[in-house]
PDB file of all heavy atoms in Angstrom:
ATOM      1  N   ASN A   1      -9.677  13.587   3.361  1.00  0.00           N
ATOM      2  CA  ASN A   1     -11.039  13.330   3.205  1.00  0.00           C
ATOM      3  C   ASN A   1     -11.252  11.900   2.655  1.00  0.00           C
ATOM      4  O   ASN A   1     -10.862  11.624   1.536  1.00  0.00           O
ATOM      5  CB  ASN A   1     -11.716  14.329   2.222  1.00  0.00           C
ATOM      6  CG  ASN A   1     -13.210  14.216   2.209  1.00  0.00           C
ATOM      7  OD1 ASN A   1     -13.793  13.303   2.689  1.00  0.00           O
ATOM      8  ND2 ASN A   1     -13.831  15.269   1.689  1.00  0.00           N
ATOM      9  N   PHE A   2     -11.798  10.991   3.448  1.00  0.00           N
ATOM     10  CA  PHE A   2     -11.901   9.611   3.105  1.00  0.00           C
ATOM     11  C   PHE A   2     -12.790   9.300   1.927  1.00  0.00           C
ATOM     12  O   PHE A   2     -12.700   8.273   1.327  1.00  0.00           O
ATOM     13  CB  PHE A   2     -12.379   8.820   4.305  1.00  0.00           C
ATOM     14  CG  PHE A   2     -13.777   9.023   4.700  1.00  0.00           C
ATOM     15  CD1 PHE A   2     -14.809   8.244   4.182  1.00  0.00           C
ATOM     16  CD2 PHE A   2     -14.064  10.003   5.655  1.00  0.00           C
ATOM     17  CE1 PHE A   2     -16.071   8.514   4.560  1.00  0.00           C
ATOM     18  CE2 PHE A   2     -15.370  10.196   6.030  1.00  0.00           C
ATOM     19  CZ  PHE A   2     -16.391   9.458   5.473  1.00  0.00           C
ATOM     20  N   ARG A   3     -13.634  10.336   1.494  1.00  0.00           N
ATOM     21  CA  ARG A   3     -14.409  10.116   0.290  1.00  0.00           C
ATOM     22  C   ARG A   3     -13.612  10.011  -0.966  1.00  0.00           C
ATOM     23  O   ARG A   3     -14.024   9.368  -1.969  1.00  0.00           O
ATOM     24  CB  ARG A   3     -15.353  11.318   0.123  1.00  0.00           C
ATOM     25  CG  ARG A   3     -16.758  11.047   0.396  1.00  0.00           C
ATOM     26  CD  ARG A   3     -17.698  12.218   0.030  1.00  0.00           C
ATOM     27  NE  ARG A   3     -17.145  13.396   0.674  1.00  0.00           N
ATOM     28  CZ  ARG A   3     -17.673  14.603   0.510  1.00  0.00           C
ATOM     29  NH1 ARG A   3     -18.695  14.753  -0.275  1.00  0.00           N
ATOM     30  NH2 ARG A   3     -17.176  15.655   1.076  1.00  0.00           N
ATOM     31  N   TYR A   4     -12.408  10.565  -0.991  1.00  0.00           N
ATOM     32  CA  TYR A   4     -11.537  10.507  -2.188  1.00  0.00           C
ATOM     33  C   TYR A   4     -10.480   9.476  -2.090  1.00  0.00           C
ATOM     34  O   TYR A   4      -9.671   9.352  -2.938  1.00  0.00           O
ATOM     35  CB  TYR A   4     -10.880  11.909  -2.354  1.00  0.00           C
ATOM     36  CG  TYR A   4     -11.892  12.988  -2.489  1.00  0.00           C
ATOM     37  CD1 TYR A   4     -12.111  13.964  -1.543  1.00  0.00           C
ATOM     38  CD2 TYR A   4     -12.669  13.033  -3.653  1.00  0.00           C
ATOM     39  CE1 TYR A   4     -13.048  14.957  -1.736  1.00  0.00           C
ATOM     40  CE2 TYR A   4     -13.653  14.039  -3.813  1.00  0.00           C
ATOM     41  CZ  TYR A   4     -13.785  15.017  -2.898  1.00  0.00           C
ATOM     42  OH  TYR A   4     -14.740  15.935  -3.061  1.00  0.00           O
ATOM     43  N   TRP A   5     -10.520   8.650  -1.002  1.00  0.00           N
ATOM     44  CA  TRP A   5      -9.514   7.559  -0.951  1.00  0.00           C
ATOM     45  C   TRP A   5      -9.901   6.423  -1.846  1.00  0.00           C
ATOM     46  O   TRP A   5     -11.115   6.125  -2.025  1.00  0.00           O
ATOM     47  CB  TRP A   5      -9.459   6.993   0.447  1.00  0.00           C
ATOM     48  CG  TRP A   5      -8.825   7.981   1.457  1.00  0.00           C
ATOM     49  CD1 TRP A   5      -8.338   9.176   1.153  1.00  0.00           C
ATOM     50  CD2 TRP A   5      -8.665   7.790   2.869  1.00  0.00           C
ATOM     51  NE1 TRP A   5      -7.863   9.782   2.310  1.00  0.00           N
ATOM     52  CE2 TRP A   5      -8.049   8.921   3.382  1.00  0.00           C
ATOM     53  CE3 TRP A   5      -8.984   6.721   3.682  1.00  0.00           C
ATOM     54  CZ2 TRP A   5      -7.724   9.038   4.665  1.00  0.00           C
ATOM     55  CZ3 TRP A   5      -8.652   6.860   4.994  1.00  0.00           C
ATOM     56  CH2 TRP A   5      -8.025   8.010   5.586  1.00  0.00           C
ATOM     57  N   ILE A   6      -8.990   5.826  -2.508  1.00  0.00           N
ATOM     58  CA  ILE A   6      -9.271   4.691  -3.398  1.00  0.00           C
ATOM     59  C   ILE A   6      -8.365   3.553  -3.009  1.00  0.00           C
ATOM     60  O   ILE A   6      -7.294   3.757  -2.442  1.00  0.00           O
ATOM     61  CB  ILE A   6      -9.116   5.128  -4.903  1.00  0.00           C
ATOM     62  CG1 ILE A   6      -7.684   5.512  -5.210  1.00  0.00           C
ATOM     63  CG2 ILE A   6     -10.095   6.154  -5.345  1.00  0.00           C
ATOM     64  CD1 ILE A   6      -7.431   5.691  -6.657  1.00  0.00           C
ATOM     65  N   PRO A   7      -8.729   2.310  -3.408  1.00  0.00           N
ATOM     66  CA  PRO A   7      -7.857   1.194  -3.024  1.00  0.00           C
ATOM     67  C   PRO A   7      -6.492   1.251  -3.734  1.00  0.00           C
ATOM     68  O   PRO A   7      -6.396   1.875  -4.805  1.00  0.00           O
ATOM     69  CB  PRO A   7      -8.631  -0.010  -3.546  1.00  0.00           C
ATOM     70  CG  PRO A   7     -10.063   0.435  -3.658  1.00  0.00           C
ATOM     71  CD  PRO A   7      -9.987   1.909  -3.992  1.00  0.00           C
ATOM     72  N   LEU A   8      -5.517   0.628  -3.182  1.00  0.00           N
ATOM     73  CA  LEU A   8      -4.131   0.638  -3.758  1.00  0.00           C
ATOM     74  C   LEU A   8      -4.037   0.131  -5.126  1.00  0.00           C
ATOM     75  O   LEU A   8      -3.335   0.653  -5.924  1.00  0.00           O
ATOM     76  CB  LEU A   8      -3.239  -0.196  -2.791  1.00  0.00           C
ATOM     77  CG  LEU A   8      -2.768   0.467  -1.506  1.00  0.00           C
ATOM     78  CD1 LEU A   8      -1.914  -0.481  -0.789  1.00  0.00           C
ATOM     79  CD2 LEU A   8      -2.043   1.758  -1.805  1.00  0.00           C
ATOM     80  N   TRP A   9      -4.850  -0.873  -5.475  1.00  0.00           N
ATOM     81  CA  TRP A   9      -4.777  -1.505  -6.756  1.00  0.00           C
ATOM     82  C   TRP A   9      -5.347  -0.636  -7.846  1.00  0.00           C
ATOM     83  O   TRP A   9      -5.155  -0.886  -9.020  1.00  0.00           O
ATOM     84  CB  TRP A   9      -5.442  -2.873  -6.817  1.00  0.00           C
ATOM     85  CG  TRP A   9      -6.880  -2.907  -6.375  1.00  0.00           C
ATOM     86  CD1 TRP A   9      -7.941  -2.671  -7.133  1.00  0.00           C
ATOM     87  CD2 TRP A   9      -7.289  -3.096  -5.090  1.00  0.00           C
ATOM     88  NE1 TRP A   9      -9.077  -2.720  -6.423  1.00  0.00           N
ATOM     89  CE2 TRP A   9      -8.705  -3.005  -5.077  1.00  0.00           C
ATOM     90  CE3 TRP A   9      -6.727  -3.382  -3.883  1.00  0.00           C
ATOM     91  CZ2 TRP A   9      -9.509  -3.122  -3.986  1.00  0.00           C
ATOM     92  CZ3 TRP A   9      -7.509  -3.555  -2.695  1.00  0.00           C
ATOM     93  CH2 TRP A   9      -8.905  -3.410  -2.794  1.00  0.00           C
ATOM     94  N   GLN A  10      -6.053   0.418  -7.517  1.00  0.00           N
ATOM     95  CA  GLN A  10      -6.583   1.345  -8.529  1.00  0.00           C
ATOM     96  C   GLN A  10      -5.694   2.568  -8.757  1.00  0.00           C
ATOM     97  O   GLN A  10      -6.028   3.490  -9.434  1.00  0.00           O
ATOM     98  CB  GLN A  10      -7.992   1.836  -8.085  1.00  0.00           C
ATOM     99  CG  GLN A  10      -9.039   0.727  -8.141  1.00  0.00           C
ATOM    100  CD  GLN A  10     -10.379   1.256  -7.717  1.00  0.00           C
ATOM    101  OE1 GLN A  10     -10.547   2.397  -7.323  1.00  0.00           O
ATOM    102  NE2 GLN A  10     -11.365   0.317  -7.820  1.00  0.00           N
ATOM    103  N   THR A  11      -4.490   2.544  -8.138  1.00  0.00           N
ATOM    104  CA  THR A  11      -3.554   3.607  -8.310  1.00  0.00           C
ATOM    105  C   THR A  11      -2.447   3.291  -9.268  1.00  0.00           C
ATOM    106  O   THR A  11      -1.395   3.989  -9.303  1.00  0.00           O
ATOM    107  CB  THR A  11      -2.911   4.023  -6.958  1.00  0.00           C
ATOM    108  OG1 THR A  11      -2.204   2.860  -6.469  1.00  0.00           O
ATOM    109  CG2 THR A  11      -3.932   4.473  -5.923  1.00  0.00           C
ATOM    110  N   ARG A  12      -2.702   2.313 -10.124  1.00  0.00           N
ATOM    111  CA  ARG A  12      -1.646   1.837 -11.056  1.00  0.00           C
ATOM    112  C   ARG A  12      -1.213   2.965 -11.970  1.00  0.00           C
ATOM    113  O   ARG A  12      -0.003   2.985 -12.349  1.00  0.00           O
ATOM    114  CB  ARG A  12      -2.180   0.621 -11.859  1.00  0.00           C
ATOM    115  CG  ARG A  12      -1.140   0.029 -12.774  1.00  0.00           C
ATOM    116  CD  ARG A  12      -1.701  -1.158 -13.470  1.00  0.00           C
ATOM    117  NE  ARG A  12      -1.941  -2.289 -12.609  1.00  0.00           N
ATOM    118  CZ  ARG A  12      -1.024  -3.248 -12.301  1.00  0.00           C
ATOM    119  NH1 ARG A  12       0.150  -3.182 -12.859  1.00  0.00           N
ATOM    120  NH2 ARG A  12      -1.325  -4.172 -11.485  1.00  0.00           N
ATOM    121  N   ASP A  13      -2.138   3.754 -12.465  1.00  0.00           N
ATOM    122  CA  ASP A  13      -1.766   4.833 -13.456  1.00  0.00           C
ATOM    123  C   ASP A  13      -1.023   6.004 -12.750  1.00  0.00           C
ATOM    124  O   ASP A  13      -0.579   6.902 -13.452  1.00  0.00           O
ATOM    125  CB  ASP A  13      -2.960   5.250 -14.164  1.00  0.00           C
ATOM    126  CG  ASP A  13      -4.022   5.880 -13.250  1.00  0.00           C
ATOM    127  OD1 ASP A  13      -4.026   5.515 -12.108  1.00  0.00           O
ATOM    128  OD2 ASP A  13      -4.828   6.743 -13.768  1.00  0.00           O
ATOM    129  N   TRP A  14      -0.968   5.993 -11.427  1.00  0.00           N
ATOM    130  CA  TRP A  14      -0.225   7.094 -10.730  1.00  0.00           C
ATOM    131  C   TRP A  14       1.308   6.859 -10.732  1.00  0.00           C
ATOM    132  O   TRP A  14       2.047   7.815 -10.462  1.00  0.00           O
ATOM    133  CB  TRP A  14      -0.730   7.206  -9.305  1.00  0.00           C
ATOM    134  CG  TRP A  14      -2.096   7.667  -9.134  1.00  0.00           C
ATOM    135  CD1 TRP A  14      -2.955   8.049 -10.147  1.00  0.00           C
ATOM    136  CD2 TRP A  14      -2.742   7.927  -7.914  1.00  0.00           C
ATOM    137  NE1 TRP A  14      -4.169   8.447  -9.587  1.00  0.00           N
ATOM    138  CE2 TRP A  14      -4.052   8.412  -8.202  1.00  0.00           C
ATOM    139  CE3 TRP A  14      -2.419   7.735  -6.627  1.00  0.00           C
ATOM    140  CZ2 TRP A  14      -4.990   8.739  -7.230  1.00  0.00           C
ATOM    141  CZ3 TRP A  14      -3.360   8.090  -5.627  1.00  0.00           C
ATOM    142  CH2 TRP A  14      -4.591   8.560  -5.958  1.00  0.00           C
ATOM    143  N   PHE A  15       1.708   5.636 -10.958  1.00  0.00           N
ATOM    144  CA  PHE A  15       3.142   5.335 -10.847  1.00  0.00           C
ATOM    145  C   PHE A  15       3.619   4.647 -12.124  1.00  0.00           C
ATOM    146  O   PHE A  15       2.886   4.057 -12.866  1.00  0.00           O
ATOM    147  CB  PHE A  15       3.343   4.334  -9.626  1.00  0.00           C
ATOM    148  CG  PHE A  15       2.944   4.874  -8.317  1.00  0.00           C
ATOM    149  CD1 PHE A  15       1.720   4.548  -7.769  1.00  0.00           C
ATOM    150  CD2 PHE A  15       3.824   5.646  -7.597  1.00  0.00           C
ATOM    151  CE1 PHE A  15       1.376   5.107  -6.542  1.00  0.00           C
ATOM    152  CE2 PHE A  15       3.421   6.170  -6.377  1.00  0.00           C
ATOM    153  CZ  PHE A  15       2.215   5.912  -5.804  1.00  0.00           C
ATOM    154  N   THR A  16       4.972   4.633 -12.272  1.00  0.00           N
ATOM    155  CA  THR A  16       5.583   3.798 -13.272  1.00  0.00           C
ATOM    156  C   THR A  16       5.427   2.406 -12.825  1.00  0.00           C
ATOM    157  O   THR A  16       5.105   2.131 -11.679  1.00  0.00           O
ATOM    158  CB  THR A  16       7.099   4.191 -13.368  1.00  0.00           C
ATOM    159  OG1 THR A  16       7.756   3.917 -12.195  1.00  0.00           O
ATOM    160  CG2 THR A  16       7.336   5.630 -13.740  1.00  0.00           C
ATOM    161  N   PRO A  17       5.651   1.381 -13.728  1.00  0.00           N
ATOM    162  CA  PRO A  17       5.525   0.000 -13.299  1.00  0.00           C
ATOM    163  C   PRO A  17       6.371  -0.357 -12.095  1.00  0.00           C
ATOM    164  O   PRO A  17       5.947  -1.044 -11.201  1.00  0.00           O
ATOM    165  CB  PRO A  17       5.959  -0.739 -14.509  1.00  0.00           C
ATOM    166  CG  PRO A  17       5.563   0.142 -15.668  1.00  0.00           C
ATOM    167  CD  PRO A  17       5.926   1.500 -15.204  1.00  0.00           C
ATOM    168  N   ALA A  18       7.619   0.079 -12.088  1.00  0.00           N
ATOM    169  CA  ALA A  18       8.513  -0.171 -10.918  1.00  0.00           C
ATOM    170  C   ALA A  18       7.978   0.592  -9.686  1.00  0.00           C
ATOM    171  O   ALA A  18       7.990  -0.062  -8.568  1.00  0.00           O
ATOM    172  CB  ALA A  18       9.885   0.228 -11.217  1.00  0.00           C
ATOM    173  N   GLY A  19       7.531   1.715  -9.816  1.00  0.00           N
ATOM    174  CA  GLY A  19       7.066   2.540  -8.696  1.00  0.00           C
ATOM    175  C   GLY A  19       5.779   1.910  -8.129  1.00  0.00           C
ATOM    176  O   GLY A  19       5.622   1.917  -6.927  1.00  0.00           O
ATOM    177  N   PHE A  20       4.919   1.360  -8.961  1.00  0.00           N
ATOM    178  CA  PHE A  20       3.665   0.660  -8.483  1.00  0.00           C
ATOM    179  C   PHE A  20       4.083  -0.509  -7.683  1.00  0.00           C
ATOM    180  O   PHE A  20       3.493  -0.793  -6.646  1.00  0.00           O
ATOM    181  CB  PHE A  20       2.832   0.339  -9.646  1.00  0.00           C
ATOM    182  CG  PHE A  20       1.498  -0.238  -9.187  1.00  0.00           C
ATOM    183  CD1 PHE A  20       0.572   0.545  -8.580  1.00  0.00           C
ATOM    184  CD2 PHE A  20       1.258  -1.636  -9.447  1.00  0.00           C
ATOM    185  CE1 PHE A  20      -0.648  -0.064  -8.170  1.00  0.00           C
ATOM    186  CE2 PHE A  20       0.020  -2.204  -9.023  1.00  0.00           C
ATOM    187  CZ  PHE A  20      -0.868  -1.409  -8.353  1.00  0.00           C
ATOM    188  N   ARG A  21       5.070  -1.334  -8.173  1.00  0.00           N
ATOM    189  CA  ARG A  21       5.513  -2.471  -7.385  1.00  0.00           C
ATOM    190  C   ARG A  21       6.094  -2.089  -6.025  1.00  0.00           C
ATOM    191  O   ARG A  21       5.736  -2.749  -4.997  1.00  0.00           O
ATOM    192  CB  ARG A  21       6.497  -3.291  -8.176  1.00  0.00           C
ATOM    193  CG  ARG A  21       5.885  -4.136  -9.259  1.00  0.00           C
ATOM    194  CD  ARG A  21       6.873  -5.099  -9.854  1.00  0.00           C
ATOM    195  NE  ARG A  21       8.082  -4.547 -10.405  1.00  0.00           N
ATOM    196  CZ  ARG A  21       8.279  -4.058 -11.585  1.00  0.00           C
ATOM    197  NH1 ARG A  21       7.257  -4.213 -12.446  1.00  0.00           N
ATOM    198  NH2 ARG A  21       9.345  -3.576 -11.994  1.00  0.00           N
ATOM    199  N   TYR A  22       6.897  -1.058  -6.023  1.00  0.00           N
ATOM    200  CA  TYR A  22       7.477  -0.559  -4.767  1.00  0.00           C
ATOM    201  C   TYR A  22       6.315  -0.105  -3.843  1.00  0.00           C
ATOM    202  O   TYR A  22       6.349  -0.380  -2.635  1.00  0.00           O
ATOM    203  CB  TYR A  22       8.402   0.625  -5.002  1.00  0.00           C
ATOM    204  CG  TYR A  22       9.731   0.321  -5.503  1.00  0.00           C
ATOM    205  CD1 TYR A  22      10.420   1.099  -6.494  1.00  0.00           C
ATOM    206  CD2 TYR A  22      10.441  -0.782  -5.065  1.00  0.00           C
ATOM    207  CE1 TYR A  22      11.593   0.771  -6.972  1.00  0.00           C
ATOM    208  CE2 TYR A  22      11.671  -1.151  -5.529  1.00  0.00           C
ATOM    209  CZ  TYR A  22      12.312  -0.284  -6.517  1.00  0.00           C
ATOM    210  OH  TYR A  22      13.489  -0.606  -7.012  1.00  0.00           O
ATOM    211  N   HIS A  23       5.302   0.545  -4.404  1.00  0.00           N
ATOM    212  CA  HIS A  23       4.188   1.049  -3.610  1.00  0.00           C
ATOM    213  C   HIS A  23       3.431  -0.089  -2.935  1.00  0.00           C
ATOM    214  O   HIS A  23       3.144  -0.087  -1.747  1.00  0.00           O
ATOM    215  CB  HIS A  23       3.320   1.937  -4.458  1.00  0.00           C
ATOM    216  CG  HIS A  23       2.327   2.759  -3.730  1.00  0.00           C
ATOM    217  ND1 HIS A  23       2.676   3.809  -2.963  1.00  0.00           N
ATOM    218  CD2 HIS A  23       0.977   2.684  -3.685  1.00  0.00           C
ATOM    219  CE1 HIS A  23       1.601   4.304  -2.469  1.00  0.00           C
ATOM    220  NE2 HIS A  23       0.517   3.684  -2.851  1.00  0.00           N
ATOM    221  N   ILE A  24       3.077  -1.093  -3.704  1.00  0.00           N
ATOM    222  CA  ILE A  24       2.269  -2.286  -3.247  1.00  0.00           C
ATOM    223  C   ILE A  24       3.135  -3.057  -2.226  1.00  0.00           C
ATOM    224  O   ILE A  24       2.637  -3.372  -1.125  1.00  0.00           O
ATOM    225  CB  ILE A  24       1.815  -3.109  -4.398  1.00  0.00           C
ATOM    226  CG1 ILE A  24       0.819  -2.397  -5.209  1.00  0.00           C
ATOM    227  CG2 ILE A  24       1.222  -4.455  -3.892  1.00  0.00           C
ATOM    228  CD1 ILE A  24      -0.504  -2.101  -4.597  1.00  0.00           C
ATOM    229  N   TRP A  25       4.358  -3.341  -2.601  1.00  0.00           N
ATOM    230  CA  TRP A  25       5.216  -4.101  -1.662  1.00  0.00           C
ATOM    231  C   TRP A  25       5.515  -3.308  -0.391  1.00  0.00           C
ATOM    232  O   TRP A  25       5.517  -3.887   0.653  1.00  0.00           O
ATOM    233  CB  TRP A  25       6.557  -4.500  -2.364  1.00  0.00           C
ATOM    234  CG  TRP A  25       6.379  -5.738  -3.177  1.00  0.00           C
ATOM    235  CD1 TRP A  25       6.333  -5.786  -4.511  1.00  0.00           C
ATOM    236  CD2 TRP A  25       6.259  -7.092  -2.723  1.00  0.00           C
ATOM    237  NE1 TRP A  25       6.197  -7.108  -4.888  1.00  0.00           N
ATOM    238  CE2 TRP A  25       6.131  -7.883  -3.874  1.00  0.00           C
ATOM    239  CE3 TRP A  25       6.215  -7.630  -1.429  1.00  0.00           C
ATOM    240  CZ2 TRP A  25       6.036  -9.243  -3.675  1.00  0.00           C
ATOM    241  CZ3 TRP A  25       6.119  -9.029  -1.319  1.00  0.00           C
ATOM    242  CH2 TRP A  25       6.033  -9.815  -2.434  1.00  0.00           C
ATOM    243  N   GLY A  26       5.707  -2.060  -0.484  1.00  0.00           N
ATOM    244  CA  GLY A  26       5.908  -1.286   0.725  1.00  0.00           C
ATOM    245  C   GLY A  26       4.833  -1.275   1.669  1.00  0.00           C
ATOM    246  O   GLY A  26       5.010  -1.475   2.864  1.00  0.00           O
ATOM    247  N   TRP A  27       3.564  -0.997   1.156  1.00  0.00           N
ATOM    248  CA  TRP A  27       2.440  -1.014   2.090  1.00  0.00           C
ATOM    249  C   TRP A  27       2.153  -2.425   2.644  1.00  0.00           C
ATOM    250  O   TRP A  27       1.736  -2.594   3.702  1.00  0.00           O
ATOM    251  CB  TRP A  27       1.214  -0.388   1.394  1.00  0.00           C
ATOM    252  CG  TRP A  27       1.270   1.048   1.323  1.00  0.00           C
ATOM    253  CD1 TRP A  27       1.218   1.851   0.241  1.00  0.00           C
ATOM    254  CD2 TRP A  27       1.335   1.940   2.449  1.00  0.00           C
ATOM    255  NE1 TRP A  27       1.325   3.156   0.575  1.00  0.00           N
ATOM    256  CE2 TRP A  27       1.343   3.294   1.925  1.00  0.00           C
ATOM    257  CE3 TRP A  27       1.441   1.763   3.856  1.00  0.00           C
ATOM    258  CZ2 TRP A  27       1.409   4.390   2.758  1.00  0.00           C
ATOM    259  CZ3 TRP A  27       1.467   2.874   4.678  1.00  0.00           C
ATOM    260  CH2 TRP A  27       1.519   4.178   4.149  1.00  0.00           C
ATOM    261  N   SER A  28       2.404  -3.384   1.808  1.00  0.00           N
ATOM    262  CA  SER A  28       2.176  -4.827   2.258  1.00  0.00           C
ATOM    263  C   SER A  28       3.169  -5.201   3.415  1.00  0.00           C
ATOM    264  O   SER A  28       2.774  -5.741   4.425  1.00  0.00           O
ATOM    265  CB  SER A  28       2.381  -5.829   1.123  1.00  0.00           C
ATOM    266  OG  SER A  28       1.473  -5.541   0.088  1.00  0.00           O
ATOM    267  N   ILE A  29       4.450  -4.860   3.231  1.00  0.00           N
ATOM    268  CA  ILE A  29       5.473  -5.154   4.272  1.00  0.00           C
ATOM    269  C   ILE A  29       5.190  -4.297   5.473  1.00  0.00           C
ATOM    270  O   ILE A  29       5.239  -4.834   6.591  1.00  0.00           O
ATOM    271  CB  ILE A  29       6.834  -4.868   3.690  1.00  0.00           C
ATOM    272  CG1 ILE A  29       7.172  -5.940   2.632  1.00  0.00           C
ATOM    273  CG2 ILE A  29       7.884  -4.907   4.791  1.00  0.00           C
ATOM    274  CD1 ILE A  29       8.462  -5.646   1.858  1.00  0.00           C
ATOM    275  N   PHE A  30       4.798  -3.073   5.375  1.00  0.00           N
ATOM    276  CA  PHE A  30       4.468  -2.228   6.460  1.00  0.00           C
ATOM    277  C   PHE A  30       3.269  -2.780   7.228  1.00  0.00           C
ATOM    278  O   PHE A  30       3.260  -2.781   8.485  1.00  0.00           O
ATOM    279  CB  PHE A  30       4.221  -0.821   6.050  1.00  0.00           C
ATOM    280  CG  PHE A  30       3.847   0.177   7.179  1.00  0.00           C
ATOM    281  CD1 PHE A  30       4.860   0.603   8.039  1.00  0.00           C
ATOM    282  CD2 PHE A  30       2.514   0.453   7.440  1.00  0.00           C
ATOM    283  CE1 PHE A  30       4.483   1.501   9.073  1.00  0.00           C
ATOM    284  CE2 PHE A  30       2.156   1.337   8.447  1.00  0.00           C
ATOM    285  CZ  PHE A  30       3.139   1.860   9.295  1.00  0.00           C
ATOM    286  N   SER A  31       2.250  -3.243   6.530  1.00  0.00           N
ATOM    287  CA  SER A  31       1.036  -3.859   7.171  1.00  0.00           C
ATOM    288  C   SER A  31       1.432  -5.088   7.934  1.00  0.00           C
ATOM    289  O   SER A  31       0.854  -5.312   9.017  1.00  0.00           O
ATOM    290  CB  SER A  31       0.006  -4.130   6.089  1.00  0.00           C
ATOM    291  OG  SER A  31      -0.388  -2.951   5.433  1.00  0.00           O
ATOM    292  N   ILE A  32       2.266  -5.890   7.390  1.00  0.00           N
ATOM    293  CA  ILE A  32       2.683  -7.089   8.141  1.00  0.00           C
ATOM    294  C   ILE A  32       3.436  -6.709   9.414  1.00  0.00           C
ATOM    295  O   ILE A  32       3.177  -7.375  10.450  1.00  0.00           O
ATOM    296  CB  ILE A  32       3.646  -7.970   7.177  1.00  0.00           C
ATOM    297  CG1 ILE A  32       2.779  -8.631   6.042  1.00  0.00           C
ATOM    298  CG2 ILE A  32       4.287  -9.078   7.970  1.00  0.00           C
ATOM    299  CD1 ILE A  32       3.625  -9.264   4.927  1.00  0.00           C
ATOM    300  N   GLY A  33       4.309  -5.706   9.348  1.00  0.00           N
ATOM    301  CA  GLY A  33       4.894  -5.254  10.527  1.00  0.00           C
ATOM    302  C   GLY A  33       3.933  -4.710  11.590  1.00  0.00           C
ATOM    303  O   GLY A  33       4.080  -4.982  12.774  1.00  0.00           O
ATOM    304  N   VAL A  34       2.913  -3.955  11.117  1.00  0.00           N
ATOM    305  CA  VAL A  34       1.898  -3.450  12.054  1.00  0.00           C
ATOM    306  C   VAL A  34       1.126  -4.590  12.659  1.00  0.00           C
ATOM    307  O   VAL A  34       0.877  -4.628  13.923  1.00  0.00           O
ATOM    308  CB  VAL A  34       0.984  -2.500  11.352  1.00  0.00           C
ATOM    309  CG1 VAL A  34      -0.266  -2.197  12.216  1.00  0.00           C
ATOM    310  CG2 VAL A  34       1.737  -1.145  10.994  1.00  0.00           C
ATOM    311  N   MET A  35       0.743  -5.600  11.851  1.00  0.00           N
ATOM    312  CA  MET A  35       0.038  -6.721  12.413  1.00  0.00           C
ATOM    313  C   MET A  35       0.914  -7.546  13.400  1.00  0.00           C
ATOM    314  O   MET A  35       0.414  -7.941  14.480  1.00  0.00           O
ATOM    315  CB  MET A  35      -0.456  -7.678  11.308  1.00  0.00           C
ATOM    316  CG  MET A  35      -1.598  -7.064  10.515  1.00  0.00           C
ATOM    317  SD  MET A  35      -2.299  -8.251   9.293  1.00  0.00           S
ATOM    318  CE  MET A  35      -0.963  -8.275   8.096  1.00  0.00           C
ATOM    319  N   GLY A  36       2.176  -7.652  13.091  1.00  0.00           N
ATOM    320  CA  GLY A  36       3.093  -8.314  14.018  1.00  0.00           C
ATOM    321  C   GLY A  36       3.213  -7.526  15.313  1.00  0.00           C
ATOM    322  O   GLY A  36       3.306  -8.109  16.437  1.00  0.00           O
ATOM    323  N   MET A  37       3.264  -6.226  15.310  1.00  0.00           N
ATOM    324  CA  MET A  37       3.350  -5.357  16.462  1.00  0.00           C
ATOM    325  C   MET A  37       2.033  -5.513  17.335  1.00  0.00           C
ATOM    326  O   MET A  37       2.143  -5.640  18.536  1.00  0.00           O
ATOM    327  CB  MET A  37       3.614  -3.909  16.113  1.00  0.00           C
ATOM    328  CG  MET A  37       3.850  -3.036  17.311  1.00  0.00           C
ATOM    329  SD  MET A  37       5.350  -3.433  18.178  1.00  0.00           S
ATOM    330  CE  MET A  37       6.571  -2.738  17.056  1.00  0.00           C
ATOM    331  N   VAL A  38       0.899  -5.513  16.684  1.00  0.00           N
ATOM    332  CA  VAL A  38      -0.381  -5.673  17.396  1.00  0.00           C
ATOM    333  C   VAL A  38      -0.465  -7.057  18.042  1.00  0.00           C
ATOM    334  O   VAL A  38      -0.803  -7.165  19.192  1.00  0.00           O
ATOM    335  CB  VAL A  38      -1.537  -5.450  16.401  1.00  0.00           C
ATOM    336  CG1 VAL A  38      -2.872  -5.898  17.055  1.00  0.00           C
ATOM    337  CG2 VAL A  38      -1.630  -4.010  15.976  1.00  0.00           C
ATOM    338  N   LEU A  39      -0.074  -8.076  17.290  1.00  0.00           N
ATOM    339  CA  LEU A  39      -0.101  -9.422  17.878  1.00  0.00           C
ATOM    340  C   LEU A  39       0.941  -9.617  18.991  1.00  0.00           C
ATOM    341  O   LEU A  39       0.697 -10.296  19.958  1.00  0.00           O
ATOM    342  CB  LEU A  39       0.169 -10.473  16.780  1.00  0.00           C
ATOM    343  CG  LEU A  39      -0.951 -10.690  15.770  1.00  0.00           C
ATOM    344  CD1 LEU A  39      -0.535 -11.676  14.688  1.00  0.00           C
ATOM    345  CD2 LEU A  39      -2.183 -11.216  16.439  1.00  0.00           C
ATOM    346  N   ARG A  40       2.045  -8.929  18.840  1.00  0.00           N
ATOM    347  CA  ARG A  40       3.079  -9.001  19.879  1.00  0.00           C
ATOM    348  C   ARG A  40       2.633  -8.435  21.149  1.00  0.00           C
ATOM    349  O   ARG A  40       2.854  -8.975  22.278  1.00  0.00           O
ATOM    350  CB  ARG A  40       4.332  -8.265  19.365  1.00  0.00           C
ATOM    351  CG  ARG A  40       5.283  -7.771  20.398  1.00  0.00           C
ATOM    352  CD  ARG A  40       6.199  -8.906  20.849  1.00  0.00           C
ATOM    353  NE  ARG A  40       7.183  -8.336  21.786  1.00  0.00           N
ATOM    354  CZ  ARG A  40       7.018  -8.146  23.027  1.00  0.00           C
ATOM    355  NH1 ARG A  40       5.846  -8.466  23.608  1.00  0.00           N
ATOM    356  NH2 ARG A  40       7.942  -7.722  23.822  1.00  0.00           N
TER     357      ARG A  40
END
C-alpha cells in the first residue's frame, strides 16, 4: 500500500548504522544499474 511508503532517509531507525549504510548504498547502486539499463 503506497500510503505507508516512506522515503529511504526516514528509515534510519529501522537499521543499525552499518545496515542503514548498506541499505542506502544498495538501493543507490541498484538505481544506477536500472538507469544504465534504460539508457542502454
